[in-house]
Amino acid sequence: MTKLSFAIAGAAALTFALAGCNSSNSDALNTAQVNAANNDLNAMASNAAGDAANAEAVALGTQQQQLEQENAAATNSASNPTDADEQNVAGM
């Protein structure tokens, strides 16, 4: 092959290579769409975290009420030992 053939083949290869670098490539990512998706994902994560925190607060409030009721019931049903019962610790 001559130098002219190499030059023509190189120019053709360069032309095809540059044709693939088109700015209207449908595979290219749109930065605005990616950022919007990130913002949506962050908003959903924040909402989920808030819902979880609210659910935990409700569960802890319910648990606190149950413990207060159990404590009140235990205090009401407790009887003070008599002096004889307090002195009768020899078996221990």
N, C-alpha and C. Protein backbone atom coordinates (compact mmCIF):
# COMPACT_ATOMS: atom_id res chain seq x y z
N MET A 1 0.84 -1.18 0.00
CA MET A 1 0.00 0.00 0.00
C MET A 1 0.89 1.24 0.00
N THR A 2 0.36 2.24 -0.55
CA THR A 2 1.13 3.47 -0.65
C THR A 2 0.79 4.38 0.51
N LYS A 3 1.54 5.44 0.58
CA LYS A 3 1.28 6.41 1.65
C LYS A 3 -0.10 7.04 1.49
N LEU A 4 -0.52 7.22 0.27
CA LEU A 4 -1.83 7.81 0.02
C LEU A 4 -2.94 6.88 0.52
N SER A 5 -2.78 5.58 0.34
CA SER A 5 -3.77 4.62 0.82
C SER A 5 -3.88 4.65 2.34
N PHE A 6 -2.71 4.72 2.99
CA PHE A 6 -2.72 4.82 4.45
C PHE A 6 -3.39 6.11 4.92
N ALA A 7 -3.14 7.19 4.23
CA ALA A 7 -3.73 8.48 4.60
C ALA A 7 -5.25 8.43 4.44
N ILE A 8 -5.73 7.84 3.34
CA ILE A 8 -7.17 7.76 3.10
C ILE A 8 -7.82 6.83 4.13
N ALA A 9 -7.17 5.70 4.42
CA ALA A 9 -7.72 4.77 5.41
C ALA A 9 -7.75 5.41 6.80
N GLY A 10 -6.72 6.15 7.14
CA GLY A 10 -6.67 6.84 8.44
C GLY A 10 -7.74 7.90 8.55
N ALA A 11 -7.95 8.66 7.47
CA ALA A 11 -8.98 9.70 7.48
C ALA A 11 -10.36 9.09 7.62
N ALA A 12 -10.59 7.97 6.94
CA ALA A 12 -11.89 7.31 7.04
C ALA A 12 -12.12 6.79 8.46
N ALA A 13 -11.09 6.20 9.05
CA ALA A 13 -11.22 5.70 10.41
C ALA A 13 -11.49 6.84 11.38
N LEU A 14 -10.83 7.96 11.20
CA LEU A 14 -11.03 9.11 12.08
C LEU A 14 -12.44 9.66 11.92
N THR A 15 -12.93 9.68 10.68
CA THR A 15 -14.29 10.17 10.44
C THR A 15 -15.32 9.29 11.14
N PHE A 16 -15.17 7.98 11.05
CA PHE A 16 -16.10 7.07 11.72
C PHE A 16 -15.99 7.18 13.24
N ALA A 17 -14.80 7.38 13.75
CA ALA A 17 -14.61 7.50 15.19
C ALA A 17 -15.27 8.76 15.73
N LEU A 18 -15.12 9.86 15.00
CA LEU A 18 -15.74 11.11 15.44
C LEU A 18 -17.25 11.10 15.26
N ALA A 19 -17.74 10.34 14.31
CA ALA A 19 -19.20 10.26 14.12
C ALA A 19 -19.87 9.61 15.33
N GLY A 20 -19.16 8.76 16.06
CA GLY A 20 -19.72 8.12 17.24
C GLY A 20 -19.80 9.04 18.44
N CYS A 21 -19.14 10.19 18.37
CA CYS A 21 -19.14 11.16 19.48
C CYS A 21 -20.17 12.23 19.25
N ASN A 22 -21.33 11.87 18.88
CA ASN A 22 -22.40 12.82 18.59
C ASN A 22 -23.01 13.31 19.90
N SER A 23 -23.35 14.59 19.95
CA SER A 23 -23.92 15.16 21.18
C SER A 23 -25.38 14.75 21.38
N SER A 24 -26.03 14.23 20.36
CA SER A 24 -27.42 13.81 20.51
C SER A 24 -27.51 12.32 20.83
N ASN A 25 -26.57 11.83 21.57
CA ASN A 25 -26.53 10.41 21.92
C ASN A 25 -27.64 10.12 22.93
N SER A 26 -28.52 9.20 22.60
CA SER A 26 -29.64 8.89 23.49
C SER A 26 -29.19 8.14 24.73
N ASP A 27 -27.98 7.59 24.73
CA ASP A 27 -27.48 6.87 25.89
C ASP A 27 -26.86 7.79 26.94
N ALA A 28 -26.63 9.04 26.58
CA ALA A 28 -25.99 9.96 27.51
C ALA A 28 -26.97 10.31 28.64
N LEU A 29 -26.44 10.46 29.85
CA LEU A 29 -27.27 10.79 31.00
C LEU A 29 -27.58 12.28 31.02
N ASN A 30 -28.76 12.60 31.40
CA ASN A 30 -29.14 14.00 31.58
C ASN A 30 -28.93 14.33 33.05
N THR A 31 -28.05 15.27 33.31
CA THR A 31 -27.69 15.60 34.69
C THR A 31 -28.90 16.09 35.48
N ALA A 32 -29.77 16.84 34.85
CA ALA A 32 -30.95 17.35 35.55
C ALA A 32 -31.85 16.20 36.00
N GLN A 33 -32.00 15.19 35.15
CA GLN A 33 -32.82 14.03 35.52
C GLN A 33 -32.20 13.26 36.67
N VAL A 34 -30.88 13.13 36.66
CA VAL A 34 -30.20 12.41 37.74
C VAL A 34 -30.34 13.18 39.05
N ASN A 35 -30.18 14.49 38.99
CA ASN A 35 -30.32 15.30 40.20
C ASN A 35 -31.74 15.26 40.73
N ALA A 36 -32.72 15.28 39.84
CA ALA A 36 -34.12 15.22 40.28
C ALA A 36 -34.39 13.88 40.94
N ALA A 37 -33.84 12.81 40.38
CA ALA A 37 -34.04 11.49 40.99
C ALA A 37 -33.39 11.43 42.37
N ASN A 38 -32.21 12.03 42.52
CA ASN A 38 -31.54 12.06 43.82
C ASN A 38 -32.36 12.85 44.83
N ASN A 39 -32.91 13.98 44.40
CA ASN A 39 -33.73 14.78 45.32
C ASN A 39 -34.98 14.02 45.75
N ASP A 40 -35.61 13.32 44.81
CA ASP A 40 -36.79 12.52 45.15
C ASP A 40 -36.43 11.41 46.13
N LEU A 41 -35.30 10.77 45.89
CA LEU A 41 -34.86 9.69 46.77
C LEU A 41 -34.55 10.22 48.17
N ASN A 42 -33.91 11.37 48.25
CA ASN A 42 -33.63 11.97 49.55
C ASN A 42 -34.91 12.35 50.29
N ALA A 43 -35.89 12.87 49.56
CA ALA A 43 -37.16 13.23 50.19
C ALA A 43 -37.88 12.00 50.72
N MET A 44 -37.87 10.91 49.94
CA MET A 44 -38.52 9.68 50.40
C MET A 44 -37.80 9.10 51.61
N ALA A 45 -36.48 9.18 51.64
CA ALA A 45 -35.73 8.67 52.78
C ALA A 45 -36.02 9.51 54.03
N SER A 46 -36.12 10.81 53.87
CA SER A 46 -36.44 11.67 55.01
C SER A 46 -37.83 11.38 55.54
N ASN A 47 -38.79 11.19 54.64
CA ASN A 47 -40.15 10.85 55.06
C ASN A 47 -40.19 9.52 55.80
N ALA A 48 -39.46 8.53 55.29
CA ALA A 48 -39.44 7.22 55.94
C ALA A 48 -38.80 7.31 57.32
N ALA A 49 -37.74 8.10 57.44
CA ALA A 49 -37.08 8.26 58.74
C ALA A 49 -38.01 8.96 59.72
N GLY A 50 -38.73 9.96 59.25
CA GLY A 50 -39.69 10.65 60.11
C GLY A 50 -40.81 9.73 60.56
N ASP A 51 -41.33 8.93 59.64
CA ASP A 51 -42.39 7.97 59.99
C ASP A 51 -41.90 6.96 61.02
N ALA A 52 -40.68 6.49 60.85
CA ALA A 52 -40.13 5.52 61.81
C ALA A 52 -39.95 6.14 63.18
N ALA A 53 -39.49 7.38 63.21
CA ALA A 53 -39.31 8.06 64.50
C ALA A 53 -40.66 8.28 65.19
N ASN A 54 -41.68 8.66 64.42
CA ASN A 54 -43.01 8.85 65.00
C ASN A 54 -43.59 7.54 65.53
N ALA A 55 -43.40 6.47 64.79
CA ALA A 55 -43.90 5.17 65.23
C ALA A 55 -43.19 4.73 66.51
N GLU A 56 -41.89 4.98 66.59
CA GLU A 56 -41.16 4.61 67.79
C GLU A 56 -41.61 5.44 68.99
N ALA A 57 -41.88 6.72 68.76
CA ALA A 57 -42.35 7.58 69.84
C ALA A 57 -43.70 7.10 70.37
N VAL A 58 -44.58 6.70 69.47
CA VAL A 58 -45.89 6.18 69.89
C VAL A 58 -45.72 4.88 70.68
N ALA A 59 -44.85 3.99 70.21
CA ALA A 59 -44.62 2.73 70.90
C ALA A 59 -44.03 2.96 72.29
N LEU A 60 -43.10 3.90 72.41
CA LEU A 60 -42.51 4.19 73.72
C LEU A 60 -43.53 4.83 74.65
N GLY A 61 -44.41 5.68 74.10
CA GLY A 61 -45.47 6.28 74.93
C GLY A 61 -46.42 5.22 75.47
N THR A 62 -46.77 4.27 74.62
CA THR A 62 -47.65 3.17 75.05
C THR A 62 -46.97 2.32 76.11
N GLN A 63 -45.69 2.04 75.90
CA GLN A 63 -44.94 1.25 76.88
C GLN A 63 -44.85 1.97 78.22
N GLN A 64 -44.66 3.29 78.17
CA GLN A 64 -44.58 4.06 79.41
C GLN A 64 -45.91 4.01 80.17
N GLN A 65 -47.02 4.12 79.44
CA GLN A 65 -48.33 4.05 80.11
C GLN A 65 -48.54 2.68 80.74
N GLN A 66 -48.15 1.62 80.06
CA GLN A 66 -48.30 0.28 80.63
C GLN A 66 -47.45 0.11 81.88
N LEU A 67 -46.23 0.61 81.84
CA LEU A 67 -45.37 0.49 83.01
C LEU A 67 -45.90 1.31 84.19
N GLU A 68 -46.44 2.48 83.91
CA GLU A 68 -47.02 3.30 84.98
C GLU A 68 -48.23 2.60 85.60
N GLN A 69 -49.05 1.95 84.75
CA GLN A 69 -50.21 1.23 85.27
C GLN A 69 -49.78 0.03 86.11
N GLU A 70 -48.76 -0.70 85.64
CA GLU A 70 -48.26 -1.83 86.42
C GLU A 70 -47.66 -1.38 87.74
N ASN A 71 -46.96 -0.26 87.72
CA ASN A 71 -46.36 0.26 88.94
C ASN A 71 -47.43 0.71 89.93
N ALA A 72 -48.48 1.34 89.43
CA ALA A 72 -49.56 1.77 90.31
C ALA A 72 -50.28 0.57 90.90
N ALA A 73 -50.49 -0.48 90.10
CA ALA A 73 -51.16 -1.68 90.59
C ALA A 73 -50.30 -2.38 91.63
N ALA A 74 -48.98 -2.41 91.42
CA ALA A 74 -48.09 -3.07 92.39
C ALA A 74 -48.04 -2.28 93.68
N THR A 75 -48.07 -0.98 93.59
CA THR A 75 -48.04 -0.14 94.81
C THR A 75 -49.32 -0.31 95.61
N ASN A 76 -50.46 -0.41 94.93
CA ASN A 76 -51.74 -0.56 95.62
C ASN A 76 -51.90 -1.93 96.27
N SER A 77 -51.32 -2.96 95.66
CA SER A 77 -51.52 -4.29 96.20
C SER A 77 -50.44 -4.67 97.22
N ALA A 78 -49.43 -3.86 97.36
CA ALA A 78 -48.36 -4.19 98.31
C ALA A 78 -48.85 -3.93 99.73
N SER A 79 -48.49 -4.82 100.63
CA SER A 79 -48.87 -4.62 102.03
C SER A 79 -47.60 -4.49 102.85
N ASN A 80 -47.67 -3.66 103.82
CA ASN A 80 -46.53 -3.48 104.71
C ASN A 80 -46.46 -4.65 105.69
N PRO A 81 -45.29 -5.19 105.88
CA PRO A 81 -45.16 -6.31 106.83
C PRO A 81 -45.36 -5.81 108.27
N THR A 82 -45.82 -6.69 109.08
CA THR A 82 -45.99 -6.35 110.50
C THR A 82 -44.62 -6.41 111.18
N ASP A 83 -44.57 -5.90 112.38
CA ASP A 83 -43.30 -5.95 113.13
C ASP A 83 -42.87 -7.39 113.38
N ALA A 84 -43.83 -8.27 113.63
CA ALA A 84 -43.49 -9.67 113.87
C ALA A 84 -42.89 -10.29 112.62
N ASP A 85 -43.43 -9.95 111.45
CA ASP A 85 -42.88 -10.49 110.20
C ASP A 85 -41.47 -9.95 109.94
N GLU A 86 -41.27 -8.70 110.31
CA GLU A 86 -39.95 -8.13 110.09
C GLU A 86 -38.90 -8.74 111.04
N GLN A 87 -39.33 -9.10 112.22
CA GLN A 87 -38.40 -9.68 113.17
C GLN A 87 -38.15 -11.15 112.92
N ASN A 88 -39.03 -11.80 112.15
CA ASN A 88 -38.93 -13.22 111.90
C ASN A 88 -38.04 -13.47 110.68
N VAL A 89 -36.75 -13.23 110.85
CA VAL A 89 -35.80 -13.44 109.76
C VAL A 89 -34.77 -14.48 110.16
N ALA A 90 -35.05 -15.22 111.21
CA ALA A 90 -34.06 -16.19 111.69
C ALA A 90 -33.85 -17.31 110.69
N GLY A 91 -34.86 -17.65 109.94
CA GLY A 91 -34.74 -18.73 108.97
C GLY A 91 -33.94 -18.35 107.74
N MET A 92 -33.61 -17.14 107.55
CA MET A 92 -32.91 -16.72 106.34
C MET A 92 -31.44 -16.88 106.48
